[in-house]
């Protein structure tokens, strides 16, 4: 199975896993970039909190 994780540029991260979910609460408005450290920018994005 493929392994993935979610790693935010501000340091928050999930465990590496082959299935499951990850939740994060944001306490301030802003843009939060994230990526999978295994797959790099091919699996990345930005969450915008308003």
Protein backbone atom coordinates (compact mmCIF):
# COMPACT_ATOMS: atom_id res chain seq x y z
CA UNK A 1 0.00 0.00 0.00
CA UNK A 2 1.06 3.59 -0.61
CA UNK A 3 2.10 5.59 2.44
CA UNK A 4 1.18 9.27 2.82
CA UNK A 5 1.29 12.04 5.39
CA UNK A 6 0.24 15.66 5.75
CA UNK A 7 2.97 18.12 6.75
CA UNK A 8 2.24 21.84 7.10
CA UNK A 9 4.94 24.44 6.55
CA UNK A 10 4.34 25.71 10.11
CA UNK A 11 5.36 22.31 11.54
CA UNK A 12 2.02 20.59 12.21
CA UNK A 13 1.97 17.08 10.77
CA UNK A 14 0.14 13.79 10.67
CA UNK A 15 1.48 10.30 11.11
CA UNK A 16 2.57 8.44 7.97
CA UNK A 17 -0.17 5.97 7.12
CA UNK A 18 -1.67 3.99 4.25
CA UNK A 19 -5.30 4.75 5.18
CA UNK A 20 -7.21 6.99 7.56
CA UNK A 21 -7.88 10.65 8.18
CA UNK A 22 -6.16 13.67 9.66
CA UNK A 23 -7.87 16.64 11.28
CA UNK A 24 -6.48 19.99 12.28
CA UNK A 25 -8.17 23.02 13.84
CA UNK A 26 -6.95 26.46 12.77
CA UNK A 27 -7.05 29.22 15.37
CA UNK A 28 -6.30 32.17 13.06
CA UNK A 29 -7.17 33.32 9.57
CA UNK A 30 -4.48 32.81 6.95
CA UNK A 31 -3.11 30.52 4.27
CA UNK A 32 -1.65 27.20 5.39
CA UNK A 33 0.51 25.31 2.88
CA UNK A 34 0.90 21.55 3.21
CA UNK A 35 2.50 18.62 1.37
CA UNK A 36 3.24 14.91 1.66
CA UNK A 37 6.89 14.48 2.63
CA UNK A 38 6.99 11.20 0.72
CA UNK A 39 5.61 12.56 -2.57
CA UNK A 40 6.64 16.24 -2.37
CA UNK A 41 4.94 18.94 -4.41
CA UNK A 42 3.03 16.34 -6.45
CA UNK A 43 0.81 16.05 -3.36
CA UNK A 44 0.54 19.55 -1.96
CA UNK A 45 -1.98 22.30 -1.44
CA UNK A 46 -3.04 25.36 0.51
CA UNK A 47 -5.90 25.73 2.97
CA UNK A 48 -7.29 29.27 3.28
CA UNK A 49 -8.95 30.14 6.59
CA UNK A 50 -11.06 33.31 6.63
